Structures are given as structure tokens and as C-alpha cells.
Amino acid sequence: MAQDKFLVTQAGLDELKREQDELIHVVRKEVIRELQEARAQGDLSENADYDAARDHQARVEARIRDLEAMIANAEIIEEDKSVSSSKSVSLGSTVTILDLSTKEEETYTIVGSIEADPLNGKLSNITPLAVALMDGKVGDTIHVSEVEEPYDVKIVSLR
């Protein structure tokens, strides 16, 4: 079965590789130390520290496997040099919008789903807002309809 490609910026891919490196070279060693300390306590059948260390080890190894798959199947979002000339929203764009109902401005960078972090301004390209914004230009009013309560936003700036 072929893996789906994961869209990611170069910075996002670098962060995934950094996390993988940290887990493999630092956290794994910490988990081994936790397991050794727990084993030293004796009877493993009722050893809560040992159970916790094994659980921690399982979570770390699962995350390493996830990261390996994401990195192996990553497709870099090329920074589109034509964005500045075309002035339309695309993957990798940073867009400032005005919510017309609340009159609040928000700025988001449109990224692939694996590096999405809306609280830090990184919006997944598959969210209803990002889908609606695609190909929009500064000054356009965009209707976001694929949500429970549809709303309108205006594109204020784009870079």
C-alpha cells in the first residue's frame, strides 16, 4: 500500500527531523534509564514505575515510527515566488484576514496538515477556511461555507 504524501514546508520538515533526532538520541536513552531504575526495584509484576516506563517507551517508539513515515513521505511545499506577483492565496502563503462578523483580524500561514498549529498561526490547507481562501486576492470577501455556522472574511494582506 502506497503512503500518501504529506505536504510540509522546509521549516516543518526540519522540525520533524529535529524531533525525530531528539527522540532517538536523547529520549530513548532516558527511557532506558527509567526502565533500568524500575527493574532495580525488584518484582516487576506490581511495579508501577516499570509499567509507566514501558508505557513511556511505547509512546516514544510509536512517535518515532510516525515521524519516520512522515519524513519518508514528505513533499516540500515550494515557496511560490509568483505569489508576490500574482497576489493570490496559495499553499505557503501568509494571509491576514478580517472576520466581518467580529471585526477581528487574524494572520495565518497556509501549511500542510502535519505542521498545522492554528493557535500559532499555522492553518492546515484542508481546513474549511484555508480551502475557501485559496486563490483569493487582497480585498476579496470570502464566504466560508463548509462549517456549522458559515461566515465571511475579507483578505486584508498577503505575503
N, C-alpha and C. Protein backbone atom coordinates (compact mmCIF):
# COMPACT_ATOMS: atom_id res chain seq x y z
N MET A 1 0.85 -1.18 0.00
CA MET A 1 0.00 0.00 0.00
C MET A 1 0.89 1.24 0.00
N ALA A 2 0.67 2.12 -0.95
CA ALA A 2 1.47 3.35 -1.04
C ALA A 2 1.01 4.36 0.00
N GLN A 3 1.97 5.01 0.62
CA GLN A 3 1.66 6.04 1.61
C GLN A 3 1.26 7.33 0.89
N ASP A 4 0.34 8.06 1.50
CA ASP A 4 0.00 9.37 0.97
C ASP A 4 1.16 10.32 1.25
N LYS A 5 1.32 11.28 0.37
CA LYS A 5 2.35 12.30 0.58
C LYS A 5 1.85 13.28 1.63
N PHE A 6 2.78 13.77 2.45
CA PHE A 6 2.47 14.77 3.46
C PHE A 6 3.05 16.09 2.98
N LEU A 7 2.20 17.09 2.81
CA LEU A 7 2.66 18.41 2.40
C LEU A 7 3.25 19.11 3.62
N VAL A 8 4.44 19.65 3.45
CA VAL A 8 5.12 20.28 4.57
C VAL A 8 6.10 21.33 4.03
N THR A 9 6.26 22.40 4.79
CA THR A 9 7.26 23.40 4.40
C THR A 9 8.65 22.86 4.76
N GLN A 10 9.68 23.48 4.23
CA GLN A 10 11.04 23.05 4.57
C GLN A 10 11.27 23.22 6.07
N ALA A 11 10.77 24.31 6.64
CA ALA A 11 10.92 24.53 8.09
C ALA A 11 10.19 23.45 8.87
N GLY A 12 9.01 23.05 8.40
CA GLY A 12 8.26 21.99 9.05
C GLY A 12 8.99 20.65 8.99
N LEU A 13 9.57 20.35 7.84
CA LEU A 13 10.33 19.10 7.69
C LEU A 13 11.56 19.13 8.60
N ASP A 14 12.22 20.26 8.66
CA ASP A 14 13.38 20.38 9.55
C ASP A 14 12.97 20.14 11.00
N GLU A 15 11.80 20.65 11.40
CA GLU A 15 11.31 20.46 12.76
C GLU A 15 10.99 18.98 13.02
N LEU A 16 10.38 18.29 12.04
CA LEU A 16 10.10 16.86 12.20
C LEU A 16 11.40 16.08 12.38
N LYS A 17 12.42 16.41 11.59
CA LYS A 17 13.72 15.74 11.70
C LYS A 17 14.38 16.04 13.04
N ARG A 18 14.23 17.28 13.53
CA ARG A 18 14.80 17.65 14.83
C ARG A 18 14.12 16.84 15.94
N GLU A 19 12.78 16.74 15.86
CA GLU A 19 12.04 15.96 16.87
C GLU A 19 12.45 14.49 16.84
N GLN A 20 12.58 13.94 15.63
CA GLN A 20 12.99 12.54 15.49
C GLN A 20 14.38 12.33 16.10
N ASP A 21 15.30 13.21 15.79
CA ASP A 21 16.66 13.12 16.32
C ASP A 21 16.65 13.18 17.85
N GLU A 22 15.87 14.10 18.40
CA GLU A 22 15.75 14.24 19.86
C GLU A 22 15.21 12.96 20.49
N LEU A 23 14.17 12.39 19.88
CA LEU A 23 13.58 11.16 20.43
C LEU A 23 14.56 9.99 20.36
N ILE A 24 15.26 9.87 19.25
CA ILE A 24 16.18 8.74 19.08
C ILE A 24 17.42 8.87 19.96
N HIS A 25 18.00 10.05 20.01
CA HIS A 25 19.30 10.19 20.69
C HIS A 25 19.24 10.68 22.13
N VAL A 26 18.12 11.25 22.54
CA VAL A 26 18.02 11.75 23.92
C VAL A 26 16.94 11.00 24.70
N VAL A 27 15.72 11.05 24.20
CA VAL A 27 14.60 10.49 24.95
C VAL A 27 14.70 8.98 25.10
N ARG A 28 15.13 8.29 24.03
CA ARG A 28 15.29 6.83 24.13
C ARG A 28 16.23 6.46 25.27
N LYS A 29 17.33 7.19 25.40
CA LYS A 29 18.30 6.91 26.47
C LYS A 29 17.68 7.16 27.84
N GLU A 30 16.85 8.21 27.94
CA GLU A 30 16.16 8.49 29.20
C GLU A 30 15.20 7.36 29.56
N VAL A 31 14.49 6.85 28.56
CA VAL A 31 13.54 5.76 28.79
C VAL A 31 14.28 4.49 29.24
N ILE A 32 15.41 4.21 28.61
CA ILE A 32 16.21 3.03 29.01
C ILE A 32 16.65 3.17 30.47
N ARG A 33 17.06 4.39 30.84
CA ARG A 33 17.46 4.64 32.22
C ARG A 33 16.26 4.45 33.17
N GLU A 34 15.08 4.93 32.78
CA GLU A 34 13.87 4.74 33.59
C GLU A 34 13.58 3.25 33.78
N LEU A 35 13.68 2.49 32.69
CA LEU A 35 13.43 1.05 32.76
C LEU A 35 14.44 0.36 33.68
N GLN A 36 15.70 0.73 33.58
CA GLN A 36 16.74 0.12 34.42
C GLN A 36 16.48 0.43 35.90
N GLU A 37 16.13 1.66 36.19
CA GLU A 37 15.85 2.05 37.57
C GLU A 37 14.64 1.30 38.11
N ALA A 38 13.61 1.15 37.28
CA ALA A 38 12.40 0.44 37.71
C ALA A 38 12.69 -1.04 37.92
N ARG A 39 13.49 -1.65 37.03
CA ARG A 39 13.84 -3.07 37.19
C ARG A 39 14.63 -3.29 38.48
N ALA A 40 15.45 -2.32 38.84
CA ALA A 40 16.28 -2.44 40.04
C ALA A 40 15.44 -2.48 41.31
N GLN A 41 14.19 -2.09 41.23
CA GLN A 41 13.32 -2.09 42.40
C GLN A 41 12.81 -3.48 42.75
N GLY A 42 13.07 -4.45 41.88
CA GLY A 42 12.68 -5.82 42.19
C GLY A 42 11.48 -6.29 41.40
N ASP A 43 10.52 -6.91 42.09
CA ASP A 43 9.35 -7.55 41.49
C ASP A 43 8.68 -6.65 40.44
N LEU A 44 8.66 -7.10 39.18
CA LEU A 44 8.10 -6.31 38.09
C LEU A 44 6.58 -6.46 37.97
N SER A 45 6.01 -7.50 38.60
CA SER A 45 4.58 -7.76 38.43
C SER A 45 3.70 -6.67 39.05
N GLU A 46 4.17 -6.02 40.09
CA GLU A 46 3.38 -4.96 40.72
C GLU A 46 4.20 -3.68 40.84
N ASN A 47 4.98 -3.41 39.83
CA ASN A 47 5.89 -2.27 39.85
C ASN A 47 5.32 -1.16 38.96
N ALA A 48 4.71 -0.17 39.58
CA ALA A 48 4.07 0.93 38.84
C ALA A 48 5.10 1.74 38.05
N ASP A 49 6.29 1.91 38.59
CA ASP A 49 7.33 2.65 37.87
C ASP A 49 7.73 1.93 36.59
N TYR A 50 7.82 0.61 36.66
CA TYR A 50 8.16 -0.19 35.48
C TYR A 50 7.06 -0.08 34.43
N ASP A 51 5.80 -0.19 34.87
CA ASP A 51 4.68 -0.07 33.94
C ASP A 51 4.66 1.30 33.27
N ALA A 52 4.93 2.34 34.04
CA ALA A 52 4.96 3.70 33.49
C ALA A 52 6.11 3.86 32.50
N ALA A 53 7.25 3.29 32.81
CA ALA A 53 8.40 3.38 31.91
C ALA A 53 8.13 2.61 30.62
N ARG A 54 7.50 1.46 30.70
CA ARG A 54 7.15 0.68 29.50
C ARG A 54 6.13 1.45 28.65
N ASP A 55 5.18 2.09 29.30
CA ASP A 55 4.19 2.90 28.58
C ASP A 55 4.88 4.07 27.88
N HIS A 56 5.78 4.73 28.58
CA HIS A 56 6.55 5.84 28.00
C HIS A 56 7.35 5.35 26.80
N GLN A 57 7.98 4.18 26.94
CA GLN A 57 8.77 3.62 25.85
C GLN A 57 7.87 3.35 24.64
N ALA A 58 6.70 2.81 24.85
CA ALA A 58 5.78 2.51 23.74
C ALA A 58 5.36 3.79 23.02
N ARG A 59 5.07 4.86 23.78
CA ARG A 59 4.68 6.12 23.16
C ARG A 59 5.83 6.74 22.36
N VAL A 60 7.04 6.66 22.90
CA VAL A 60 8.21 7.21 22.21
C VAL A 60 8.46 6.45 20.92
N GLU A 61 8.43 5.13 20.98
CA GLU A 61 8.68 4.31 19.78
C GLU A 61 7.59 4.52 18.73
N ALA A 62 6.35 4.68 19.16
CA ALA A 62 5.25 4.94 18.21
C ALA A 62 5.45 6.29 17.52
N ARG A 63 5.86 7.28 18.28
CA ARG A 63 6.09 8.60 17.69
C ARG A 63 7.27 8.57 16.72
N ILE A 64 8.31 7.83 17.05
CA ILE A 64 9.46 7.70 16.15
C ILE A 64 9.00 7.07 14.83
N ARG A 65 8.19 6.01 14.91
CA ARG A 65 7.67 5.37 13.69
C ARG A 65 6.81 6.33 12.88
N ASP A 66 5.96 7.10 13.56
CA ASP A 66 5.13 8.09 12.87
C ASP A 66 6.00 9.12 12.15
N LEU A 67 7.01 9.61 12.84
CA LEU A 67 7.90 10.61 12.25
C LEU A 67 8.65 10.04 11.05
N GLU A 68 9.12 8.79 11.17
CA GLU A 68 9.81 8.17 10.05
C GLU A 68 8.92 8.11 8.82
N ALA A 69 7.65 7.73 9.01
CA ALA A 69 6.71 7.66 7.89
C ALA A 69 6.45 9.04 7.31
N MET A 70 6.26 10.04 8.17
CA MET A 70 6.00 11.39 7.68
C MET A 70 7.19 11.93 6.90
N ILE A 71 8.39 11.73 7.42
CA ILE A 71 9.60 12.24 6.76
C ILE A 71 9.80 11.53 5.42
N ALA A 72 9.61 10.21 5.42
CA ALA A 72 9.80 9.44 4.19
C ALA A 72 8.80 9.84 3.11
N ASN A 73 7.62 10.29 3.52
CA ASN A 73 6.57 10.62 2.56
C ASN A 73 6.29 12.12 2.48
N ALA A 74 7.25 12.92 2.93
CA ALA A 74 7.06 14.37 2.91
C ALA A 74 7.24 14.92 1.50
N GLU A 75 6.40 15.85 1.17
CA GLU A 75 6.53 16.58 -0.09
C GLU A 75 6.64 18.05 0.29
N ILE A 76 7.78 18.63 -0.05
CA ILE A 76 8.07 20.02 0.33
C ILE A 76 7.16 20.97 -0.43
N ILE A 77 6.56 21.89 0.32
CA ILE A 77 5.79 22.97 -0.28
C ILE A 77 6.81 23.99 -0.76
N GLU A 78 6.92 24.12 -2.05
CA GLU A 78 7.86 25.09 -2.61
C GLU A 78 7.31 26.49 -2.39
N GLU A 79 8.16 27.38 -1.91
CA GLU A 79 7.73 28.77 -1.77
C GLU A 79 7.53 29.31 -3.16
N ASP A 80 6.31 29.70 -3.44
CA ASP A 80 5.95 30.15 -4.77
C ASP A 80 6.39 31.60 -4.95
N LYS A 81 7.43 31.78 -5.74
CA LYS A 81 7.95 33.13 -5.97
C LYS A 81 6.94 33.98 -6.72
N SER A 82 5.97 33.33 -7.37
CA SER A 82 4.97 34.10 -8.12
C SER A 82 3.87 34.65 -7.22
N VAL A 83 3.88 34.24 -5.93
CA VAL A 83 2.86 34.75 -5.02
C VAL A 83 2.90 36.26 -4.98
N SER A 84 4.09 36.83 -4.91
CA SER A 84 4.19 38.29 -4.83
C SER A 84 3.67 38.95 -6.10
N SER A 85 3.82 38.28 -7.24
CA SER A 85 3.34 38.89 -8.48
C SER A 85 1.87 38.58 -8.73
N SER A 86 1.40 37.38 -8.35
CA SER A 86 0.00 37.05 -8.61
C SER A 86 -0.91 37.56 -7.50
N LYS A 87 -0.36 37.69 -6.30
CA LYS A 87 -1.12 38.20 -5.16
C LYS A 87 -2.36 37.37 -4.86
N SER A 88 -2.28 36.04 -5.01
CA SER A 88 -3.40 35.19 -4.63
C SER A 88 -2.94 34.17 -3.60
N VAL A 89 -3.85 33.75 -2.74
CA VAL A 89 -3.54 32.83 -1.66
C VAL A 89 -3.23 31.45 -2.23
N SER A 90 -2.13 30.87 -1.76
CA SER A 90 -1.76 29.51 -2.14
C SER A 90 -1.08 28.84 -0.96
N LEU A 91 -0.77 27.57 -1.10
CA LEU A 91 -0.08 26.84 -0.06
C LEU A 91 1.25 27.52 0.24
N GLY A 92 1.51 27.82 1.50
CA GLY A 92 2.73 28.52 1.90
C GLY A 92 2.54 30.02 2.07
N SER A 93 1.39 30.53 1.63
CA SER A 93 1.11 31.97 1.78
C SER A 93 0.83 32.32 3.23
N THR A 94 1.16 33.55 3.59
CA THR A 94 0.75 34.10 4.88
C THR A 94 -0.29 35.15 4.56
N VAL A 95 -1.47 34.97 5.14
CA VAL A 95 -2.60 35.83 4.80
C VAL A 95 -3.21 36.42 6.08
N THR A 96 -3.50 37.70 6.03
CA THR A 96 -4.20 38.36 7.13
C THR A 96 -5.63 38.56 6.68
N ILE A 97 -6.57 38.11 7.53
CA ILE A 97 -7.99 38.22 7.20
C ILE A 97 -8.71 39.02 8.27
N LEU A 98 -9.82 39.60 7.87
CA LEU A 98 -10.70 40.31 8.79
C LEU A 98 -12.01 39.54 8.84
N ASP A 99 -12.37 39.05 10.03
CA ASP A 99 -13.65 38.37 10.20
C ASP A 99 -14.72 39.46 10.20
N LEU A 100 -15.59 39.43 9.22
CA LEU A 100 -16.56 40.52 9.06
C LEU A 100 -17.63 40.55 10.13
N SER A 101 -17.84 39.44 10.83
CA SER A 101 -18.84 39.45 11.90
C SER A 101 -18.28 39.96 13.22
N THR A 102 -17.01 39.66 13.51
CA THR A 102 -16.42 40.08 14.79
C THR A 102 -15.51 41.28 14.64
N LYS A 103 -15.16 41.63 13.40
CA LYS A 103 -14.24 42.74 13.09
C LYS A 103 -12.84 42.50 13.67
N GLU A 104 -12.47 41.21 13.84
CA GLU A 104 -11.15 40.87 14.34
C GLU A 104 -10.26 40.41 13.19
N GLU A 105 -8.99 40.85 13.22
CA GLU A 105 -8.02 40.41 12.23
C GLU A 105 -7.23 39.23 12.77
N GLU A 106 -6.94 38.30 11.88
CA GLU A 106 -6.12 37.13 12.21
C GLU A 106 -5.14 36.92 11.07
N THR A 107 -3.95 36.45 11.39
CA THR A 107 -2.95 36.15 10.36
C THR A 107 -2.60 34.68 10.44
N TYR A 108 -2.64 34.01 9.28
CA TYR A 108 -2.32 32.59 9.20
C TYR A 108 -1.37 32.32 8.05
N THR A 109 -0.53 31.32 8.23
CA THR A 109 0.26 30.77 7.14
C THR A 109 -0.40 29.46 6.76
N ILE A 110 -0.67 29.27 5.47
CA ILE A 110 -1.33 28.06 5.00
C ILE A 110 -0.24 26.98 4.83
N VAL A 111 -0.35 25.90 5.61
CA VAL A 111 0.65 24.83 5.63
C VAL A 111 -0.04 23.48 5.44
N GLY A 112 0.77 22.44 5.28
CA GLY A 112 0.25 21.08 5.22
C GLY A 112 -0.30 20.66 6.57
N SER A 113 -1.14 19.64 6.58
CA SER A 113 -1.84 19.25 7.80
C SER A 113 -0.93 18.79 8.93
N ILE A 114 0.23 18.21 8.62
CA ILE A 114 1.07 17.70 9.71
C ILE A 114 1.79 18.78 10.49
N GLU A 115 1.89 19.97 9.93
CA GLU A 115 2.53 21.04 10.70
C GLU A 115 1.54 22.12 11.13
N ALA A 116 0.25 21.85 10.96
CA ALA A 116 -0.78 22.81 11.34
C ALA A 116 -0.75 23.08 12.85
N ASP A 117 -0.92 24.33 13.20
CA ASP A 117 -0.96 24.76 14.59
C ASP A 117 -1.70 26.10 14.62
N PRO A 118 -3.04 26.07 14.56
CA PRO A 118 -3.81 27.30 14.43
C PRO A 118 -3.57 28.31 15.55
N LEU A 119 -3.28 27.83 16.74
CA LEU A 119 -3.03 28.75 17.85
C LEU A 119 -1.75 29.54 17.65
N ASN A 120 -0.87 29.03 16.79
CA ASN A 120 0.37 29.72 16.48
C ASN A 120 0.40 30.20 15.03
N GLY A 121 -0.78 30.36 14.44
CA GLY A 121 -0.88 30.97 13.12
C GLY A 121 -0.58 30.06 11.94
N LYS A 122 -0.57 28.75 12.14
CA LYS A 122 -0.34 27.82 11.04
C LYS A 122 -1.62 27.04 10.77
N LEU A 123 -2.23 27.33 9.63
CA LEU A 123 -3.54 26.78 9.28
C LEU A 123 -3.38 25.67 8.25
N SER A 124 -3.95 24.50 8.54
CA SER A 124 -3.89 23.38 7.61
C SER A 124 -4.60 23.72 6.30
N ASN A 125 -4.00 23.30 5.20
CA ASN A 125 -4.58 23.56 3.88
C ASN A 125 -5.89 22.84 3.64
N ILE A 126 -6.28 21.92 4.52
CA ILE A 126 -7.53 21.19 4.32
C ILE A 126 -8.67 21.70 5.20
N THR A 127 -8.42 22.74 6.00
CA THR A 127 -9.48 23.31 6.82
C THR A 127 -10.44 24.09 5.92
N PRO A 128 -11.70 24.21 6.34
CA PRO A 128 -12.66 24.96 5.53
C PRO A 128 -12.22 26.40 5.24
N LEU A 129 -11.60 27.07 6.21
CA LEU A 129 -11.15 28.44 5.99
C LEU A 129 -10.07 28.48 4.92
N ALA A 130 -9.06 27.62 5.03
CA ALA A 130 -7.97 27.61 4.05
C ALA A 130 -8.47 27.25 2.66
N VAL A 131 -9.35 26.28 2.58
CA VAL A 131 -9.91 25.88 1.28
C VAL A 131 -10.65 27.06 0.65
N ALA A 132 -11.43 27.78 1.46
CA ALA A 132 -12.18 28.92 0.94
C ALA A 132 -11.24 30.05 0.50
N LEU A 133 -10.13 30.23 1.22
CA LEU A 133 -9.20 31.32 0.91
C LEU A 133 -8.37 31.09 -0.35
N MET A 134 -8.16 29.82 -0.72
CA MET A 134 -7.29 29.51 -1.86
C MET A 134 -7.68 30.30 -3.10
N ASP A 135 -6.68 30.88 -3.72
CA ASP A 135 -6.80 31.70 -4.94
C ASP A 135 -7.44 33.06 -4.70
N GLY A 136 -7.78 33.37 -3.44
CA GLY A 136 -8.32 34.70 -3.13
C GLY A 136 -7.23 35.76 -3.23
N LYS A 137 -7.65 36.98 -3.44
CA LYS A 137 -6.71 38.10 -3.58
C LYS A 137 -7.01 39.16 -2.52
N VAL A 138 -6.05 40.03 -2.26
CA VAL A 138 -6.23 41.11 -1.29
C VAL A 138 -7.47 41.91 -1.69
N GLY A 139 -8.34 42.15 -0.72
CA GLY A 139 -9.57 42.90 -0.96
C GLY A 139 -10.79 42.01 -1.19
N ASP A 140 -10.56 40.73 -1.52
CA ASP A 140 -11.68 39.81 -1.76
C ASP A 140 -12.42 39.52 -0.47
N THR A 141 -13.73 39.41 -0.56
CA THR A 141 -14.55 38.92 0.54
C THR A 141 -14.82 37.45 0.25
N ILE A 142 -14.51 36.60 1.21
CA ILE A 142 -14.61 35.15 1.04
C ILE A 142 -15.69 34.61 1.96
N HIS A 143 -16.56 33.77 1.41
CA HIS A 143 -17.60 33.12 2.20
C HIS A 143 -17.11 31.72 2.59
N VAL A 144 -17.03 31.46 3.88
CA VAL A 144 -16.62 30.15 4.39
C VAL A 144 -17.89 29.38 4.71
N SER A 145 -18.19 28.39 3.85
CA SER A 145 -19.49 27.74 3.95
C SER A 145 -19.45 26.31 4.48
N GLU A 146 -18.32 25.66 4.45
CA GLU A 146 -18.25 24.25 4.85
C GLU A 146 -18.08 24.09 6.36
N VAL A 147 -18.77 24.93 7.13
CA VAL A 147 -18.73 24.88 8.60
C VAL A 147 -20.15 24.93 9.13
N GLU A 148 -20.30 24.64 10.42
CA GLU A 148 -21.62 24.63 11.03
C GLU A 148 -22.33 25.98 10.90
N GLU A 149 -21.59 27.06 11.16
CA GLU A 149 -22.14 28.40 11.03
C GLU A 149 -21.31 29.17 10.01
N PRO A 150 -21.75 29.22 8.75
CA PRO A 150 -20.98 29.92 7.72
C PRO A 150 -20.72 31.39 8.10
N TYR A 151 -19.61 31.92 7.59
CA TYR A 151 -19.23 33.30 7.90
C TYR A 151 -18.44 33.88 6.74
N ASP A 152 -18.21 35.18 6.78
CA ASP A 152 -17.47 35.87 5.74
C ASP A 152 -16.22 36.51 6.32
N VAL A 153 -15.15 36.49 5.52
CA VAL A 153 -13.89 37.14 5.88
C VAL A 153 -13.42 37.96 4.68
N LYS A 154 -12.60 38.94 4.98
CA LYS A 154 -12.02 39.77 3.92
C LYS A 154 -10.51 39.60 4.00
N ILE A 155 -9.87 39.41 2.84
CA ILE A 155 -8.42 39.28 2.80
C ILE A 155 -7.83 40.68 2.86
N VAL A 156 -7.08 40.95 3.94
CA VAL A 156 -6.52 42.26 4.20
C VAL A 156 -5.13 42.40 3.59
N SER A 157 -4.29 41.35 3.79
CA SER A 157 -2.94 41.39 3.21
C SER A 157 -2.48 39.98 2.92
N LEU A 158 -1.45 39.89 2.09
CA LEU A 158 -0.95 38.61 1.64
C LEU A 158 0.55 38.71 1.40
N ARG A 159 1.28 37.74 1.89
CA ARG A 159 2.72 37.68 1.61
C ARG A 159 3.17 36.24 1.51
